[in-house]
Amino acid sequence: MIRYTLLLTMLISAFTLSCSNGQQAGQSSDVQRINDYIAGKDYKKYEVATFAGGCFWCTEASFERIEGVKDVISGYSGGEKDYPTYKEVSYNRTKHAEAIQIYYDPEVITFDQLLEIFFVAHDPTTLNRQGPDRGPQYRSEIFYHNKTQKEKSEAYIKKLDASGKLKDPIVTKLSKYKEFWTAEGYHQDYYEHNPQSGYIQQVSRPKVKKVMKTFSHLLKEKYKK
């Protein structure tokens, strides 16, 4: 099921961003392979994490506020079709999940800490659902890039499940990373560009505020009160 008011929001957002030059310089409105998207950016010293936790507008904004995170890119992962479009993913035609690709400095923030944030930034106990968003495209999933990430994810899920902090079992999937497709340009930094959007105010903002409150000690300076 597409997010409520989604089609109207997409049209308004695309028009607004285009008229206001809200898109970042050089940003394409088309879906791209992640390597093409970051070509020319000096990200060699950064490590990568790929998470799916429902709406990427929410998770992108949450991680962008964390010290040590260089970049967070919204996109699609875990599907079967090359160059999937937002419409195709929204209607679950490609088996992709809305996901984010995080580039981070391991000397400042660790993968373990990113895992902790991930499990606060979304509800890992609801199968194929996050709030009003329903369908496999909104599933909870970690796309691990190596054996270490897989083992750390497995261990953290086991620990969190055993802690009793969550009333229901975690349903987060663990899958080997294969490909990440960047979402259309107007999705990037959507939270920042559309603060008055009903979805942002009612769904995204509470999630972002929860992350900021829980991890206040990890916030970038400009987000500290």
C-alpha atoms as a PDB file:
ATOM      1  CA  MET A   1       0.000   0.000   0.000  1.00  0.00           C
ATOM      2  CA  ILE A   2       1.380   3.406  -0.934  1.00  0.00           C
ATOM      3  CA  ARG A   3       1.702   5.931   1.872  1.00  0.00           C
ATOM      4  CA  TYR A   4      -1.413   8.018   2.343  1.00  0.00           C
ATOM      5  CA  THR A   5      -1.451  11.250   0.322  1.00  0.00           C
ATOM      6  CA  LEU A   6       1.688   9.957  -1.372  1.00  0.00           C
ATOM      7  CA  LEU A   7       0.882  10.784  -4.972  1.00  0.00           C
ATOM      8  CA  LEU A   8      -0.144  14.324  -4.096  1.00  0.00           C
ATOM      9  CA  THR A   9       2.934  14.745  -1.921  1.00  0.00           C
ATOM     10  CA  MET A  10       5.196  13.481  -4.708  1.00  0.00           C
ATOM     11  CA  LEU A  11       3.779  15.963  -7.208  1.00  0.00           C
ATOM     12  CA  ILE A  12       3.977  18.903  -4.822  1.00  0.00           C
ATOM     13  CA  SER A  13       7.458  17.976  -3.648  1.00  0.00           C
ATOM     14  CA  ALA A  14       8.855  17.485  -7.129  1.00  0.00           C
ATOM     15  CA  PHE A  15       7.467  20.849  -8.248  1.00  0.00           C
ATOM     16  CA  THR A  16       8.634  22.641  -5.119  1.00  0.00           C
ATOM     17  CA  LEU A  17      12.149  21.242  -5.218  1.00  0.00           C
ATOM     18  CA  SER A  18      12.499  21.985  -8.906  1.00  0.00           C
ATOM     19  CA  CYS A  19      11.340  25.579  -8.526  1.00  0.00           C
ATOM     20  CA  SER A  20      13.415  26.266  -5.447  1.00  0.00           C
ATOM     21  CA  ASN A  21      16.556  24.513  -6.699  1.00  0.00           C
ATOM     22  CA  GLY A  22      16.276  22.348  -3.613  1.00  0.00           C
ATOM     23  CA  GLN A  23      18.109  19.429  -5.125  1.00  0.00           C
ATOM     24  CA  GLN A  24      21.785  19.153  -4.377  1.00  0.00           C
ATOM     25  CA  ALA A  25      24.189  20.212  -7.100  1.00  0.00           C
ATOM     26  CA  GLY A  26      24.746  17.445  -9.614  1.00  0.00           C
ATOM     27  CA  GLN A  27      21.937  15.351  -8.180  1.00  0.00           C
ATOM     28  CA  SER A  28      19.985  13.422 -10.763  1.00  0.00           C
ATOM     29  CA  SER A  29      16.257  12.887 -10.598  1.00  0.00           C
ATOM     30  CA  ASP A  30      16.768   9.390 -12.037  1.00  0.00           C
ATOM     31  CA  VAL A  31      17.542   6.143 -10.267  1.00  0.00           C
ATOM     32  CA  GLN A  32      21.263   5.339 -10.324  1.00  0.00           C
ATOM     33  CA  ARG A  33      23.652   2.624  -9.243  1.00  0.00           C
ATOM     34  CA  ILE A  34      25.215   3.743  -5.996  1.00  0.00           C
ATOM     35  CA  ASN A  35      28.738   3.656  -7.451  1.00  0.00           C
ATOM     36  CA  ASP A  36      27.673   6.028 -10.212  1.00  0.00           C
ATOM     37  CA  TYR A  37      25.962   8.310  -7.714  1.00  0.00           C
ATOM     38  CA  ILE A  38      29.028   8.690  -5.493  1.00  0.00           C
ATOM     39  CA  ALA A  39      31.550   8.798  -8.344  1.00  0.00           C
ATOM     40  CA  GLY A  40      33.991  11.628  -7.714  1.00  0.00           C
ATOM     41  CA  LYS A  41      33.297  11.730  -3.980  1.00  0.00           C
ATOM     42  CA  ASP A  42      36.209  10.886  -1.727  1.00  0.00           C
ATOM     43  CA  TYR A  43      34.544   8.197   0.395  1.00  0.00           C
ATOM     44  CA  LYS A  44      37.482   5.767   0.505  1.00  0.00           C
ATOM     45  CA  LYS A  45      38.133   6.279   4.213  1.00  0.00           C
ATOM     46  CA  TYR A  46      34.508   5.617   5.115  1.00  0.00           C
ATOM     47  CA  GLU A  47      32.784   2.329   5.806  1.00  0.00           C
ATOM     48  CA  VAL A  48      29.312   1.432   4.571  1.00  0.00           C
ATOM     49  CA  ALA A  49      26.147   0.162   6.234  1.00  0.00           C
ATOM     50  CA  THR A  50      22.862  -0.572   4.475  1.00  0.00           C
ATOM     51  CA  PHE A  51      19.607  -0.697   6.410  1.00  0.00           C
ATOM     52  CA  ALA A  52      15.921  -0.968   5.520  1.00  0.00           C
ATOM     53  CA  GLY A  53      13.534   0.250   8.194  1.00  0.00           C
ATOM     54  CA  GLY A  54      10.369   1.399   6.486  1.00  0.00           C
ATOM     55  CA  CYS A  55      10.107   4.874   5.012  1.00  0.00           C
ATOM     56  CA  PHE A  56      13.554   6.055   3.946  1.00  0.00           C
ATOM     57  CA  TRP A  57      12.579   9.684   4.591  1.00  0.00           C
ATOM     58  CA  CYS A  58      12.523   8.802   8.303  1.00  0.00           C
ATOM     59  CA  THR A  59      15.657   6.697   8.603  1.00  0.00           C
ATOM     60  CA  GLU A  60      17.748   8.971   6.392  1.00  0.00           C
ATOM     61  CA  ALA A  61      16.995  11.993   8.583  1.00  0.00           C
ATOM     62  CA  SER A  62      17.683  10.048  11.776  1.00  0.00           C
ATOM     63  CA  PHE A  63      21.165   8.933  10.721  1.00  0.00           C
ATOM     64  CA  GLU A  64      22.087  12.256   9.120  1.00  0.00           C
ATOM     65  CA  ARG A  65      22.089  13.731  12.627  1.00  0.00           C
ATOM     66  CA  ILE A  66      24.725  11.347  13.983  1.00  0.00           C
ATOM     67  CA  GLU A  67      28.333  12.469  14.418  1.00  0.00           C
ATOM     68  CA  GLY A  68      30.691  10.486  12.211  1.00  0.00           C
ATOM     69  CA  VAL A  69      28.088   9.897   9.524  1.00  0.00           C
ATOM     70  CA  LYS A  70      29.367  11.458   6.319  1.00  0.00           C
ATOM     71  CA  ASP A  71      26.396  10.773   4.065  1.00  0.00           C
ATOM     72  CA  VAL A  72      23.057   8.951   4.051  1.00  0.00           C
ATOM     73  CA  ILE A  73      21.481   8.131   0.712  1.00  0.00           C
ATOM     74  CA  SER A  74      17.905   6.966   0.218  1.00  0.00           C
ATOM     75  CA  GLY A  75      17.288   4.169  -2.247  1.00  0.00           C
ATOM     76  CA  TYR A  76      16.255   0.615  -2.920  1.00  0.00           C
ATOM     77  CA  SER A  77      17.887  -2.725  -2.088  1.00  0.00           C
ATOM     78  CA  GLY A  78      17.062  -6.407  -1.933  1.00  0.00           C
ATOM     79  CA  GLY A  79      15.055  -6.627  -5.143  1.00  0.00           C
ATOM     80  CA  GLU A  80      15.270  -8.258  -8.537  1.00  0.00           C
ATOM     81  CA  LYS A  81      15.007  -5.443 -11.101  1.00  0.00           C
ATOM     82  CA  ASP A  82      17.679  -3.045 -12.289  1.00  0.00           C
ATOM     83  CA  TYR A  83      16.875   0.647 -12.020  1.00  0.00           C
ATOM     84  CA  PRO A  84      13.646   0.227 -10.040  1.00  0.00           C
ATOM     85  CA  THR A  85      11.419   3.295  -9.848  1.00  0.00           C
ATOM     86  CA  TYR A  86       9.681   4.597  -6.761  1.00  0.00           C
ATOM     87  CA  LYS A  87       6.297   3.710  -8.221  1.00  0.00           C
ATOM     88  CA  GLU A  88       7.391   0.135  -8.915  1.00  0.00           C
ATOM     89  CA  VAL A  89       8.846  -0.299  -5.441  1.00  0.00           C
ATOM     90  CA  SER A  90       5.810   1.306  -3.785  1.00  0.00           C
ATOM     91  CA  TYR A  91       3.532  -1.221  -5.479  1.00  0.00           C
ATOM     92  CA  ASN A  92       5.923  -4.062  -4.592  1.00  0.00           C
ATOM     93  CA  ARG A  93       6.606  -4.930  -8.215  1.00  0.00           C
ATOM     94  CA  THR A  94      10.373  -5.425  -7.817  1.00  0.00           C
ATOM     95  CA  LYS A  95      10.738  -6.954  -4.315  1.00  0.00           C
ATOM     96  CA  HIS A  96      13.009  -4.096  -3.254  1.00  0.00           C
ATOM     97  CA  ALA A  97      12.828  -2.499   0.178  1.00  0.00           C
ATOM     98  CA  GLU A  98      13.091   1.210   0.794  1.00  0.00           C
ATOM     99  CA  ALA A  99      16.582   1.424   2.245  1.00  0.00           C
ATOM    100  CA  ILE A 100      19.407   3.775   3.147  1.00  0.00           C
ATOM    101  CA  GLN A 101      23.122   3.565   2.431  1.00  0.00           C
ATOM    102  CA  ILE A 102      25.231   5.065   5.221  1.00  0.00           C
ATOM    103  CA  TYR A 103      28.826   6.212   4.763  1.00  0.00           C
ATOM    104  CA  TYR A 104      30.484   6.650   8.126  1.00  0.00           C
ATOM    105  CA  ASP A 105      33.855   7.267   9.751  1.00  0.00           C
ATOM    106  CA  PRO A 106      34.683   4.159  11.866  1.00  0.00           C
ATOM    107  CA  GLU A 107      37.034   6.240  13.998  1.00  0.00           C
ATOM    108  CA  VAL A 108      34.071   8.339  15.150  1.00  0.00           C
ATOM    109  CA  ILE A 109      31.053   6.016  15.054  1.00  0.00           C
ATOM    110  CA  THR A 110      31.049   2.210  15.025  1.00  0.00           C
ATOM    111  CA  PHE A 111      28.845  -0.298  13.264  1.00  0.00           C
ATOM    112  CA  ASP A 112      27.700  -1.495  16.696  1.00  0.00           C
ATOM    113  CA  GLN A 113      26.449   1.999  17.500  1.00  0.00           C
ATOM    114  CA  LEU A 114      24.724   2.249  14.120  1.00  0.00           C
ATOM    115  CA  LEU A 115      22.919  -0.993  14.923  1.00  0.00           C
ATOM    116  CA  GLU A 116      21.690   0.451  18.217  1.00  0.00           C
ATOM    117  CA  ILE A 117      20.380   3.528  16.418  1.00  0.00           C
ATOM    118  CA  PHE A 118      18.742   1.444  13.698  1.00  0.00           C
ATOM    119  CA  PHE A 119      16.703  -0.534  16.210  1.00  0.00           C
ATOM    120  CA  VAL A 120      15.444   2.671  17.801  1.00  0.00           C
ATOM    121  CA  ALA A 121      14.773   4.483  14.516  1.00  0.00           C
ATOM    122  CA  HIS A 122      12.106   1.955  13.487  1.00  0.00           C
ATOM    123  CA  ASP A 123       9.980  -0.863  14.897  1.00  0.00           C
ATOM    124  CA  PRO A 124      11.796  -4.160  14.201  1.00  0.00           C
ATOM    125  CA  THR A 125       8.878  -6.263  15.486  1.00  0.00           C
ATOM    126  CA  THR A 126       6.272  -5.480  12.819  1.00  0.00           C
ATOM    127  CA  LEU A 127       6.449  -7.706   9.759  1.00  0.00           C
ATOM    128  CA  ASN A 128       6.344  -5.772   6.492  1.00  0.00           C
ATOM    129  CA  ARG A 129       4.946  -2.716   8.195  1.00  0.00           C
ATOM    130  CA  GLN A 130       6.038   0.579   9.725  1.00  0.00           C
ATOM    131  CA  GLY A 131       3.176   2.662  11.072  1.00  0.00           C
ATOM    132  CA  PRO A 132       0.820   3.519   8.194  1.00  0.00           C
ATOM    133  CA  ASP A 133       3.162   1.992   5.604  1.00  0.00           C
ATOM    134  CA  ARG A 134       2.366  -1.615   4.751  1.00  0.00           C
ATOM    135  CA  GLY A 135       3.946  -4.117   2.400  1.00  0.00           C
ATOM    136  CA  PRO A 136       7.270  -5.963   1.937  1.00  0.00           C
ATOM    137  CA  GLN A 137       8.791  -2.772   0.571  1.00  0.00           C
ATOM    138  CA  TYR A 138       8.651  -1.412   4.139  1.00  0.00           C
ATOM    139  CA  ARG A 139      10.254  -4.458   5.743  1.00  0.00           C
ATOM    140  CA  SER A 140      12.966  -4.391   8.375  1.00  0.00           C
ATOM    141  CA  GLU A 141      16.222  -5.695   6.924  1.00  0.00           C
ATOM    142  CA  ILE A 142      19.974  -5.410   7.336  1.00  0.00           C
ATOM    143  CA  PHE A 143      22.043  -5.880   4.202  1.00  0.00           C
ATOM    144  CA  TYR A 144      25.421  -6.908   5.570  1.00  0.00           C
ATOM    145  CA  HIS A 145      28.555  -6.089   3.564  1.00  0.00           C
ATOM    146  CA  ASN A 146      30.864  -8.601   5.210  1.00  0.00           C
ATOM    147  CA  LYS A 147      31.083 -11.423   7.728  1.00  0.00           C
ATOM    148  CA  THR A 148      31.766  -9.053  10.611  1.00  0.00           C
ATOM    149  CA  GLN A 149      28.612  -7.036   9.974  1.00  0.00           C
ATOM    150  CA  LYS A 150      26.578 -10.237   9.746  1.00  0.00           C
ATOM    151  CA  GLU A 151      27.933 -11.605  13.025  1.00  0.00           C
ATOM    152  CA  LYS A 152      27.499  -8.303  14.850  1.00  0.00           C
ATOM    153  CA  SER A 153      23.919  -7.999  13.581  1.00  0.00           C
ATOM    154  CA  GLU A 154      23.051 -11.549  14.611  1.00  0.00           C
ATOM    155  CA  ALA A 155      24.544 -11.035  18.057  1.00  0.00           C
ATOM    156  CA  TYR A 156      22.782  -7.715  18.624  1.00  0.00           C
ATOM    157  CA  ILE A 157      19.390  -9.050  17.542  1.00  0.00           C
ATOM    158  CA  LYS A 158      19.796 -12.020  19.870  1.00  0.00           C
ATOM    159  CA  LYS A 159      20.814  -9.723  22.724  1.00  0.00           C
ATOM    160  CA  LEU A 160      17.971  -7.273  22.143  1.00  0.00           C
ATOM    161  CA  ASP A 161      15.398 -10.060  21.870  1.00  0.00           C
ATOM    162  CA  ALA A 162      16.611 -11.583  25.131  1.00  0.00           C
ATOM    163  CA  SER A 163      16.615  -8.233  26.944  1.00  0.00           C
ATOM    164  CA  GLY A 164      12.838  -7.976  27.061  1.00  0.00           C
ATOM    165  CA  LYS A 165      12.941  -4.328  25.973  1.00  0.00           C
ATOM    166  CA  LEU A 166      10.638  -5.131  23.053  1.00  0.00           C
ATOM    167  CA  LYS A 167       7.252  -6.707  23.716  1.00  0.00           C
ATOM    168  CA  ASP A 168       7.321  -8.740  20.501  1.00  0.00           C
ATOM    169  CA  PRO A 169      10.050 -10.776  18.754  1.00  0.00           C
ATOM    170  CA  ILE A 170      12.316  -9.052  16.237  1.00  0.00           C
ATOM    171  CA  VAL A 171      11.480  -9.890  12.617  1.00  0.00           C
ATOM    172  CA  THR A 172      14.415  -8.064  11.002  1.00  0.00           C
ATOM    173  CA  LYS A 173      15.894 -10.002   8.076  1.00  0.00           C
ATOM    174  CA  LEU A 174      19.612 -10.396   7.485  1.00  0.00           C
ATOM    175  CA  SER A 175      20.654 -10.551   3.844  1.00  0.00           C
ATOM    176  CA  LYS A 176      23.947 -10.351   2.021  1.00  0.00           C
ATOM    177  CA  TYR A 177      24.352  -7.001   0.304  1.00  0.00           C
ATOM    178  CA  LYS A 178      24.142  -7.192  -3.472  1.00  0.00           C
ATOM    179  CA  GLU A 179      23.139  -3.853  -4.939  1.00  0.00           C
ATOM    180  CA  PHE A 180      21.827  -0.450  -3.929  1.00  0.00           C
ATOM    181  CA  TRP A 181      19.934   1.855  -6.252  1.00  0.00           C
ATOM    182  CA  THR A 182      19.636   5.512  -5.322  1.00  0.00           C
ATOM    183  CA  ALA A 183      16.093   6.812  -5.168  1.00  0.00           C
ATOM    184  CA  GLU A 184      14.930   9.646  -7.403  1.00  0.00           C
ATOM    185  CA  GLY A 185      16.442  13.039  -6.591  1.00  0.00           C
ATOM    186  CA  TYR A 186      13.452  14.518  -4.797  1.00  0.00           C
ATOM    187  CA  HIS A 187      13.647  11.761  -2.162  1.00  0.00           C
ATOM    188  CA  GLN A 188      17.135  12.783  -1.042  1.00  0.00           C
ATOM    189  CA  ASP A 189      16.980  14.964   2.097  1.00  0.00           C
ATOM    190  CA  TYR A 190      13.201  14.879   1.796  1.00  0.00           C
ATOM    191  CA  TYR A 191      12.775  15.464   5.525  1.00  0.00           C
ATOM    192  CA  GLU A 192      14.776  18.683   5.397  1.00  0.00           C
ATOM    193  CA  HIS A 193      13.141  20.018   2.224  1.00  0.00           C
ATOM    194  CA  ASN A 194       9.553  19.273   3.251  1.00  0.00           C
ATOM    195  CA  PRO A 195       9.167  20.136   6.956  1.00  0.00           C
ATOM    196  CA  GLN A 196       5.491  21.056   6.544  1.00  0.00           C
ATOM    197  CA  SER A 197       4.509  17.783   4.863  1.00  0.00           C
ATOM    198  CA  GLY A 198       1.762  16.011   6.794  1.00  0.00           C
ATOM    199  CA  TYR A 199       3.668  12.728   6.610  1.00  0.00           C
ATOM    200  CA  ILE A 200       6.873  14.320   7.868  1.00  0.00           C
ATOM    201  CA  GLN A 201       5.117  16.007  10.777  1.00  0.00           C
ATOM    202  CA  GLN A 202       2.970  13.057  11.810  1.00  0.00           C
ATOM    203  CA  VAL A 203       5.158  10.043  11.036  1.00  0.00           C
ATOM    204  CA  SER A 204       8.787  11.020  10.425  1.00  0.00           C
ATOM    205  CA  ARG A 205       9.338  13.718  13.019  1.00  0.00           C
ATOM    206  CA  PRO A 206       8.411  11.594  16.075  1.00  0.00           C
ATOM    207  CA  LYS A 207      10.860   8.923  14.933  1.00  0.00           C
ATOM    208  CA  VAL A 208      13.671  11.405  14.368  1.00  0.00           C
ATOM    209  CA  LYS A 209      13.033  13.076  17.716  1.00  0.00           C
ATOM    210  CA  LYS A 210      13.145   9.690  19.436  1.00  0.00           C
ATOM    211  CA  VAL A 211      16.555   8.977  17.938  1.00  0.00           C
ATOM    212  CA  MET A 212      17.830  12.432  18.871  1.00  0.00           C
ATOM    213  CA  LYS A 213      16.656  12.046  22.461  1.00  0.00           C
ATOM    214  CA  THR A 214      17.962   8.503  22.878  1.00  0.00           C
ATOM    215  CA  PHE A 215      21.344   9.238  21.291  1.00  0.00           C
ATOM    216  CA  SER A 216      21.808  12.877  22.283  1.00  0.00           C
ATOM    217  CA  HIS A 217      25.447  12.099  23.117  1.00  0.00           C
ATOM    218  CA  LEU A 218      26.091  11.043  19.513  1.00  0.00           C
ATOM    219  CA  LEU A 219      24.531  14.005  17.730  1.00  0.00           C
ATOM    220  CA  LYS A 220      26.393  16.352  15.440  1.00  0.00           C
ATOM    221  CA  GLU A 221      27.020  19.689  17.121  1.00  0.00           C
ATOM    222  CA  LYS A 222      24.445  21.588  15.064  1.00  0.00           C
ATOM    223  CA  TYR A 223      21.680  19.280  16.289  1.00  0.00           C
ATOM    224  CA  LYS A 224      22.515  19.582  19.966  1.00  0.00           C
ATOM    225  CA  LYS A 225      20.317  21.894  22.002  1.00  0.00           C
END
